[in-house]
Amino acid sequence: MLTIREIFEPLMRPGGALADSVGLVLGTGPGRGAGLLLVLVGALPAVWGLLGLAYRPLRLIEDLLPDALPDAEIGDKDAIQAAADRQLSLARAARPGGTGRAAVPRQARDGAAPEPVEDEPAARVPAGTGPR
């Protein structure tokens, strides 16, 4: 409000600096300063867009940049997860005092539920590698 009252209203009063030019379009008098501010705020994005169109590299950005390639489709996520679990188990087993038993639960041979997994004590698990 201070900006409108102190800057834009005096410009749009009868006899003000913009009364004879912008005042012909927006009018003069009380409230016309707020109207001028709204017109300026609305015109700013339009001018910004036109400047963007005038700047050739920005205008041709679609032609200059390569198209994004889609990620490869993963066929068997379970097999990939099992391989990652085996690698994690080997890495844990290679650590001093590691058992390697925390990463891969074994399925029972008769198709029953998996055996419970004993996790390593929390003191041996490095920060940021424990359960989430």
N, C-alpha and C. Protein backbone atom coordinates (compact mmCIF):
# COMPACT_ATOMS: atom_id res chain seq x y z
N MET A 1 0.82 -1.19 0.00
CA MET A 1 0.00 0.00 0.00
C MET A 1 0.87 1.25 0.00
N LEU A 2 1.98 1.21 0.70
CA LEU A 2 2.85 2.37 0.76
C LEU A 2 3.36 2.73 -0.63
N THR A 3 3.70 1.71 -1.40
CA THR A 3 4.20 1.95 -2.76
C THR A 3 3.12 2.59 -3.61
N ILE A 4 1.91 2.10 -3.49
CA ILE A 4 0.82 2.66 -4.29
C ILE A 4 0.55 4.10 -3.87
N ARG A 5 0.45 4.33 -2.55
CA ARG A 5 0.13 5.66 -2.06
C ARG A 5 1.22 6.69 -2.33
N GLU A 6 2.49 6.26 -2.17
CA GLU A 6 3.59 7.21 -2.27
C GLU A 6 4.14 7.37 -3.68
N ILE A 7 4.02 6.34 -4.52
CA ILE A 7 4.63 6.40 -5.85
C ILE A 7 3.60 6.47 -6.96
N PHE A 8 2.71 5.48 -7.02
CA PHE A 8 1.82 5.36 -8.17
C PHE A 8 0.63 6.32 -8.14
N GLU A 9 0.06 6.57 -6.97
CA GLU A 9 -1.07 7.51 -6.90
C GLU A 9 -0.67 8.92 -7.35
N PRO A 10 0.47 9.47 -6.87
CA PRO A 10 0.84 10.81 -7.34
C PRO A 10 1.10 10.87 -8.85
N LEU A 11 1.59 9.78 -9.43
CA LEU A 11 1.82 9.77 -10.87
C LEU A 11 0.51 9.84 -11.65
N MET A 12 -0.57 9.28 -11.08
CA MET A 12 -1.83 9.18 -11.80
C MET A 12 -2.87 10.22 -11.37
N ARG A 13 -2.51 11.16 -10.50
CA ARG A 13 -3.41 12.24 -10.14
C ARG A 13 -3.58 13.19 -11.33
N PRO A 14 -4.66 13.93 -11.38
CA PRO A 14 -4.76 14.95 -12.43
C PRO A 14 -3.58 15.93 -12.33
N GLY A 15 -2.86 16.10 -13.40
CA GLY A 15 -1.67 16.94 -13.42
C GLY A 15 -0.42 16.19 -13.02
N GLY A 16 -0.51 14.87 -12.72
CA GLY A 16 0.65 14.07 -12.34
C GLY A 16 1.52 13.77 -13.56
N ALA A 17 2.67 13.16 -13.31
CA ALA A 17 3.65 12.92 -14.37
C ALA A 17 3.12 12.01 -15.48
N LEU A 18 2.27 11.06 -15.16
CA LEU A 18 1.75 10.13 -16.17
C LEU A 18 0.29 10.39 -16.52
N ALA A 19 -0.29 11.45 -15.99
CA ALA A 19 -1.71 11.72 -16.22
C ALA A 19 -2.00 11.98 -17.70
N ASP A 20 -1.10 12.64 -18.40
CA ASP A 20 -1.36 12.97 -19.80
C ASP A 20 -1.06 11.82 -20.76
N SER A 21 -0.31 10.79 -20.32
CA SER A 21 0.00 9.67 -21.22
C SER A 21 -0.75 8.40 -20.79
N VAL A 22 -0.36 7.81 -19.70
CA VAL A 22 -1.01 6.59 -19.22
C VAL A 22 -2.40 6.91 -18.68
N GLY A 23 -2.57 8.10 -18.18
CA GLY A 23 -3.87 8.52 -17.66
C GLY A 23 -4.95 8.53 -18.72
N LEU A 24 -4.59 8.71 -19.98
CA LEU A 24 -5.57 8.66 -21.05
C LEU A 24 -6.16 7.25 -21.20
N VAL A 25 -5.37 6.23 -20.88
CA VAL A 25 -5.84 4.85 -21.00
C VAL A 25 -6.49 4.38 -19.70
N LEU A 26 -5.82 4.62 -18.58
CA LEU A 26 -6.29 4.11 -17.29
C LEU A 26 -7.17 5.10 -16.53
N GLY A 27 -7.12 6.33 -16.90
CA GLY A 27 -7.86 7.36 -16.19
C GLY A 27 -6.99 7.99 -15.11
N THR A 28 -7.48 9.07 -14.51
CA THR A 28 -6.76 9.74 -13.43
C THR A 28 -7.65 9.82 -12.22
N GLY A 29 -7.02 10.03 -11.07
CA GLY A 29 -7.79 10.17 -9.84
C GLY A 29 -7.47 9.06 -8.86
N PRO A 30 -8.26 8.99 -7.77
CA PRO A 30 -8.02 8.00 -6.73
C PRO A 30 -8.20 6.57 -7.27
N GLY A 31 -7.31 5.69 -6.87
CA GLY A 31 -7.39 4.29 -7.29
C GLY A 31 -6.70 3.99 -8.60
N ARG A 32 -6.33 5.02 -9.35
CA ARG A 32 -5.67 4.78 -10.64
C ARG A 32 -4.21 4.36 -10.46
N GLY A 33 -3.60 4.69 -9.33
CA GLY A 33 -2.24 4.23 -9.05
C GLY A 33 -2.19 2.72 -8.87
N ALA A 34 -3.20 2.17 -8.19
CA ALA A 34 -3.30 0.72 -8.04
C ALA A 34 -3.53 0.07 -9.39
N GLY A 35 -4.33 0.69 -10.23
CA GLY A 35 -4.55 0.17 -11.58
C GLY A 35 -3.27 0.14 -12.39
N LEU A 36 -2.47 1.20 -12.28
CA LEU A 36 -1.19 1.25 -12.98
C LEU A 36 -0.27 0.13 -12.50
N LEU A 37 -0.23 -0.09 -11.19
CA LEU A 37 0.60 -1.16 -10.64
C LEU A 37 0.14 -2.52 -11.17
N LEU A 38 -1.15 -2.77 -11.23
CA LEU A 38 -1.65 -4.04 -11.75
C LEU A 38 -1.32 -4.23 -13.22
N VAL A 39 -1.41 -3.17 -14.00
CA VAL A 39 -1.05 -3.26 -15.42
C VAL A 39 0.44 -3.58 -15.56
N LEU A 40 1.28 -2.93 -14.77
CA LEU A 40 2.72 -3.19 -14.84
C LEU A 40 3.05 -4.62 -14.42
N VAL A 41 2.41 -5.10 -13.36
CA VAL A 41 2.66 -6.47 -12.90
C VAL A 41 2.17 -7.48 -13.94
N GLY A 42 1.11 -7.19 -14.64
CA GLY A 42 0.62 -8.08 -15.69
C GLY A 42 1.47 -8.02 -16.95
N ALA A 43 2.02 -6.85 -17.25
CA ALA A 43 2.82 -6.71 -18.46
C ALA A 43 4.22 -7.28 -18.30
N LEU A 44 4.72 -7.35 -17.08
CA LEU A 44 6.07 -7.85 -16.86
C LEU A 44 6.28 -9.28 -17.36
N PRO A 45 5.41 -10.25 -17.05
CA PRO A 45 5.63 -11.60 -17.59
C PRO A 45 5.52 -11.65 -19.12
N ALA A 46 4.66 -10.83 -19.69
CA ALA A 46 4.53 -10.81 -21.15
C ALA A 46 5.81 -10.30 -21.79
N VAL A 47 6.38 -9.25 -21.24
CA VAL A 47 7.64 -8.72 -21.77
C VAL A 47 8.76 -9.73 -21.56
N TRP A 48 8.78 -10.39 -20.41
CA TRP A 48 9.79 -11.40 -20.12
C TRP A 48 9.71 -12.54 -21.13
N GLY A 49 8.51 -12.98 -21.47
CA GLY A 49 8.32 -14.03 -22.46
C GLY A 49 8.78 -13.60 -23.84
N LEU A 50 8.48 -12.38 -24.23
CA LEU A 50 8.92 -11.88 -25.53
C LEU A 50 10.44 -11.77 -25.60
N LEU A 51 11.07 -11.38 -24.50
CA LEU A 51 12.53 -11.35 -24.47
C LEU A 51 13.10 -12.76 -24.61
N GLY A 52 12.46 -13.73 -24.00
CA GLY A 52 12.89 -15.11 -24.15
C GLY A 52 12.77 -15.59 -25.59
N LEU A 53 11.72 -15.20 -26.27
CA LEU A 53 11.56 -15.56 -27.68
C LEU A 53 12.60 -14.87 -28.56
N ALA A 54 12.99 -13.68 -28.19
CA ALA A 54 13.98 -12.95 -28.98
C ALA A 54 15.38 -13.51 -28.82
N TYR A 55 15.65 -14.21 -27.73
CA TYR A 55 16.97 -14.79 -27.47
C TYR A 55 17.05 -16.14 -28.17
N ARG A 56 17.82 -16.22 -29.24
CA ARG A 56 17.85 -17.39 -30.12
C ARG A 56 18.18 -18.71 -29.41
N PRO A 57 19.23 -18.79 -28.56
CA PRO A 57 19.50 -20.08 -27.91
C PRO A 57 18.34 -20.58 -27.05
N LEU A 58 17.63 -19.68 -26.41
CA LEU A 58 16.49 -20.10 -25.61
C LEU A 58 15.33 -20.53 -26.50
N ARG A 59 15.13 -19.83 -27.60
CA ARG A 59 14.05 -20.16 -28.53
C ARG A 59 14.27 -21.53 -29.17
N LEU A 60 15.53 -21.89 -29.44
CA LEU A 60 15.84 -23.15 -30.12
C LEU A 60 16.32 -24.24 -29.16
N ILE A 61 16.02 -24.11 -27.89
CA ILE A 61 16.54 -25.05 -26.90
C ILE A 61 16.10 -26.48 -27.18
N GLU A 62 14.90 -26.68 -27.73
CA GLU A 62 14.42 -28.03 -28.04
C GLU A 62 15.28 -28.69 -29.11
N ASP A 63 15.78 -27.91 -30.05
CA ASP A 63 16.61 -28.47 -31.11
C ASP A 63 18.05 -28.67 -30.66
N LEU A 64 18.52 -27.84 -29.74
CA LEU A 64 19.91 -27.89 -29.32
C LEU A 64 20.20 -29.01 -28.32
N LEU A 65 19.25 -29.30 -27.45
CA LEU A 65 19.48 -30.32 -26.42
C LEU A 65 19.05 -31.69 -26.93
N PRO A 66 19.80 -32.73 -26.57
CA PRO A 66 19.39 -34.08 -26.99
C PRO A 66 18.13 -34.51 -26.23
N ASP A 67 17.39 -35.42 -26.84
CA ASP A 67 16.20 -35.94 -26.19
C ASP A 67 16.61 -36.83 -25.02
N ALA A 68 15.79 -36.85 -24.01
CA ALA A 68 16.05 -37.71 -22.86
C ALA A 68 15.77 -39.15 -23.24
N LEU A 69 16.67 -40.03 -22.86
CA LEU A 69 16.49 -41.44 -23.15
C LEU A 69 15.77 -42.10 -21.98
N PRO A 70 14.78 -42.93 -22.26
CA PRO A 70 14.10 -43.61 -21.16
C PRO A 70 15.03 -44.63 -20.52
N ASP A 71 14.81 -44.87 -19.25
CA ASP A 71 15.60 -45.87 -18.54
C ASP A 71 15.30 -47.25 -19.11
N ALA A 72 16.28 -48.12 -19.01
CA ALA A 72 16.08 -49.49 -19.48
C ALA A 72 15.04 -50.17 -18.60
N GLU A 73 14.23 -50.98 -19.23
CA GLU A 73 13.21 -51.70 -18.48
C GLU A 73 13.85 -52.91 -17.82
N ILE A 74 13.58 -53.07 -16.56
CA ILE A 74 14.18 -54.17 -15.82
C ILE A 74 13.25 -55.37 -15.94
N GLY A 75 13.77 -56.46 -16.47
CA GLY A 75 12.95 -57.64 -16.69
C GLY A 75 12.63 -58.39 -15.42
N ASP A 76 13.62 -58.87 -14.69
CA ASP A 76 13.40 -59.70 -13.52
C ASP A 76 13.98 -59.00 -12.29
N LYS A 77 13.17 -58.20 -11.65
CA LYS A 77 13.63 -57.44 -10.49
C LYS A 77 13.98 -58.35 -9.32
N ASP A 78 13.28 -59.48 -9.20
CA ASP A 78 13.57 -60.40 -8.10
C ASP A 78 14.97 -61.00 -8.22
N ALA A 79 15.37 -61.36 -9.44
CA ALA A 79 16.71 -61.92 -9.64
C ALA A 79 17.79 -60.88 -9.35
N ILE A 80 17.54 -59.65 -9.76
CA ILE A 80 18.50 -58.57 -9.51
C ILE A 80 18.60 -58.30 -8.01
N GLN A 81 17.45 -58.31 -7.31
CA GLN A 81 17.47 -58.09 -5.87
C GLN A 81 18.20 -59.21 -5.16
N ALA A 82 17.99 -60.46 -5.60
CA ALA A 82 18.67 -61.60 -4.98
C ALA A 82 20.18 -61.49 -5.18
N ALA A 83 20.62 -61.07 -6.37
CA ALA A 83 22.06 -60.90 -6.62
C ALA A 83 22.63 -59.80 -5.73
N ALA A 84 21.89 -58.71 -5.57
CA ALA A 84 22.35 -57.62 -4.70
C ALA A 84 22.42 -58.09 -3.25
N ASP A 85 21.44 -58.88 -2.83
CA ASP A 85 21.46 -59.42 -1.47
C ASP A 85 22.66 -60.34 -1.25
N ARG A 86 22.99 -61.16 -2.26
CA ARG A 86 24.16 -62.04 -2.14
C ARG A 86 25.44 -61.22 -2.02
N GLN A 87 25.55 -60.15 -2.82
CA GLN A 87 26.74 -59.30 -2.75
C GLN A 87 26.85 -58.65 -1.37
N LEU A 88 25.73 -58.21 -0.84
CA LEU A 88 25.73 -57.59 0.49
C LEU A 88 26.13 -58.61 1.54
N SER A 89 25.62 -59.82 1.42
CA SER A 89 25.97 -60.87 2.36
C SER A 89 27.47 -61.17 2.32
N LEU A 90 28.03 -61.25 1.11
CA LEU A 90 29.47 -61.50 0.98
C LEU A 90 30.28 -60.35 1.57
N ALA A 91 29.83 -59.13 1.35
CA ALA A 91 30.54 -57.97 1.89
C ALA A 91 30.51 -57.97 3.41
N ARG A 92 29.36 -58.33 3.98
CA ARG A 92 29.26 -58.38 5.44
C ARG A 92 30.11 -59.52 6.00
N ALA A 93 30.15 -60.65 5.29
CA ALA A 93 30.94 -61.78 5.76
C ALA A 93 32.43 -61.48 5.70
N ALA A 94 32.84 -60.63 4.77
CA ALA A 94 34.26 -60.30 4.61
C ALA A 94 34.75 -59.35 5.69
N ARG A 95 33.83 -58.65 6.35
CA ARG A 95 34.22 -57.74 7.43
C ARG A 95 34.74 -58.53 8.61
N PRO A 96 35.65 -57.96 9.38
CA PRO A 96 36.11 -58.65 10.59
C PRO A 96 34.94 -58.89 11.53
N GLY A 97 34.71 -60.14 11.87
CA GLY A 97 33.63 -60.49 12.79
C GLY A 97 32.27 -60.58 12.14
N GLY A 98 32.18 -60.37 10.83
CA GLY A 98 30.89 -60.42 10.15
C GLY A 98 30.44 -61.85 9.91
N THR A 99 29.13 -62.06 9.96
CA THR A 99 28.59 -63.40 9.73
C THR A 99 28.02 -63.54 8.33
N GLY A 100 27.59 -62.44 7.74
CA GLY A 100 27.01 -62.50 6.41
C GLY A 100 25.61 -63.06 6.40
N ARG A 101 25.02 -63.31 7.59
CA ARG A 101 23.71 -63.94 7.62
C ARG A 101 22.58 -62.94 7.63
N ALA A 102 22.85 -61.66 7.71
CA ALA A 102 21.78 -60.69 7.84
C ALA A 102 21.12 -60.34 6.53
N ALA A 103 21.76 -60.57 5.41
CA ALA A 103 21.25 -60.05 4.16
C ALA A 103 20.25 -60.95 3.46
N VAL A 104 20.44 -62.28 3.48
CA VAL A 104 19.62 -63.16 2.66
C VAL A 104 18.92 -64.19 3.52
N PRO A 105 17.59 -64.08 3.67
CA PRO A 105 16.88 -65.13 4.38
C PRO A 105 16.77 -66.36 3.49
N ARG A 106 16.91 -67.55 4.07
CA ARG A 106 16.82 -68.78 3.28
C ARG A 106 15.38 -69.28 3.28
N GLN A 107 14.93 -69.72 2.14
CA GLN A 107 13.60 -70.31 2.03
C GLN A 107 13.68 -71.75 2.53
N ALA A 108 12.65 -72.21 3.22
CA ALA A 108 12.61 -73.61 3.63
C ALA A 108 12.42 -74.48 2.39
N ARG A 109 12.98 -75.67 2.40
CA ARG A 109 12.93 -76.54 1.22
C ARG A 109 11.51 -76.99 0.89
N ASP A 110 10.64 -77.07 1.87
CA ASP A 110 9.29 -77.55 1.60
C ASP A 110 8.33 -76.44 1.17
N GLY A 111 8.84 -75.24 0.94
CA GLY A 111 8.00 -74.13 0.48
C GLY A 111 7.34 -73.37 1.62
N ALA A 112 7.70 -73.67 2.85
CA ALA A 112 7.12 -72.97 4.00
C ALA A 112 7.72 -71.57 4.09
N ALA A 113 7.35 -70.89 5.13
CA ALA A 113 7.83 -69.52 5.33
C ALA A 113 9.34 -69.50 5.50
N PRO A 114 9.98 -68.39 5.17
CA PRO A 114 11.43 -68.31 5.32
C PRO A 114 11.84 -68.42 6.78
N GLU A 115 13.06 -68.91 6.98
CA GLU A 115 13.60 -69.02 8.33
C GLU A 115 13.84 -67.62 8.88
N PRO A 116 13.68 -67.43 10.19
CA PRO A 116 14.01 -66.12 10.76
C PRO A 116 15.49 -65.83 10.59
N VAL A 117 15.80 -64.57 10.40
CA VAL A 117 17.17 -64.15 10.16
C VAL A 117 17.71 -63.49 11.41
N GLU A 118 18.88 -63.92 11.82
CA GLU A 118 19.54 -63.28 12.95
C GLU A 118 20.35 -62.12 12.40
N ASP A 119 20.07 -60.94 12.87
CA ASP A 119 20.81 -59.77 12.42
C ASP A 119 22.05 -59.61 13.27
N GLU A 120 23.03 -58.94 12.72
CA GLU A 120 24.25 -58.68 13.47
C GLU A 120 23.96 -57.69 14.57
N PRO A 121 24.71 -57.71 15.64
CA PRO A 121 24.50 -56.72 16.70
C PRO A 121 24.68 -55.31 16.15
N ALA A 122 23.92 -54.39 16.71
CA ALA A 122 23.94 -53.02 16.22
C ALA A 122 25.31 -52.39 16.34
N ALA A 123 26.13 -52.84 17.29
CA ALA A 123 27.45 -52.24 17.48
C ALA A 123 28.36 -52.52 16.30
N ARG A 124 28.12 -53.60 15.55
CA ARG A 124 29.00 -53.94 14.44
C ARG A 124 28.51 -53.38 13.11
N VAL A 125 27.30 -52.84 13.06
CA VAL A 125 26.75 -52.32 11.81
C VAL A 125 27.21 -50.87 11.65
N PRO A 126 27.92 -50.55 10.56
CA PRO A 126 28.35 -49.16 10.36
C PRO A 126 27.16 -48.23 10.22
N ALA A 127 27.36 -46.98 10.56
CA ALA A 127 26.30 -45.98 10.48
C ALA A 127 25.78 -45.89 9.06
N GLY A 128 24.47 -45.82 8.92
CA GLY A 128 23.85 -45.66 7.61
C GLY A 128 23.63 -46.95 6.86
N THR A 129 24.03 -48.12 7.41
CA THR A 129 23.82 -49.38 6.70
C THR A 129 22.82 -50.27 7.40
N GLY A 130 22.27 -49.83 8.51
CA GLY A 130 21.33 -50.64 9.26
C GLY A 130 19.95 -50.63 8.62
N PRO A 131 18.97 -51.30 9.25
CA PRO A 131 17.61 -51.32 8.73
C PRO A 131 17.03 -49.92 8.68
N ARG A 132 16.17 -49.70 7.71
CA ARG A 132 15.56 -48.37 7.55
C ARG A 132 14.15 -48.38 8.05
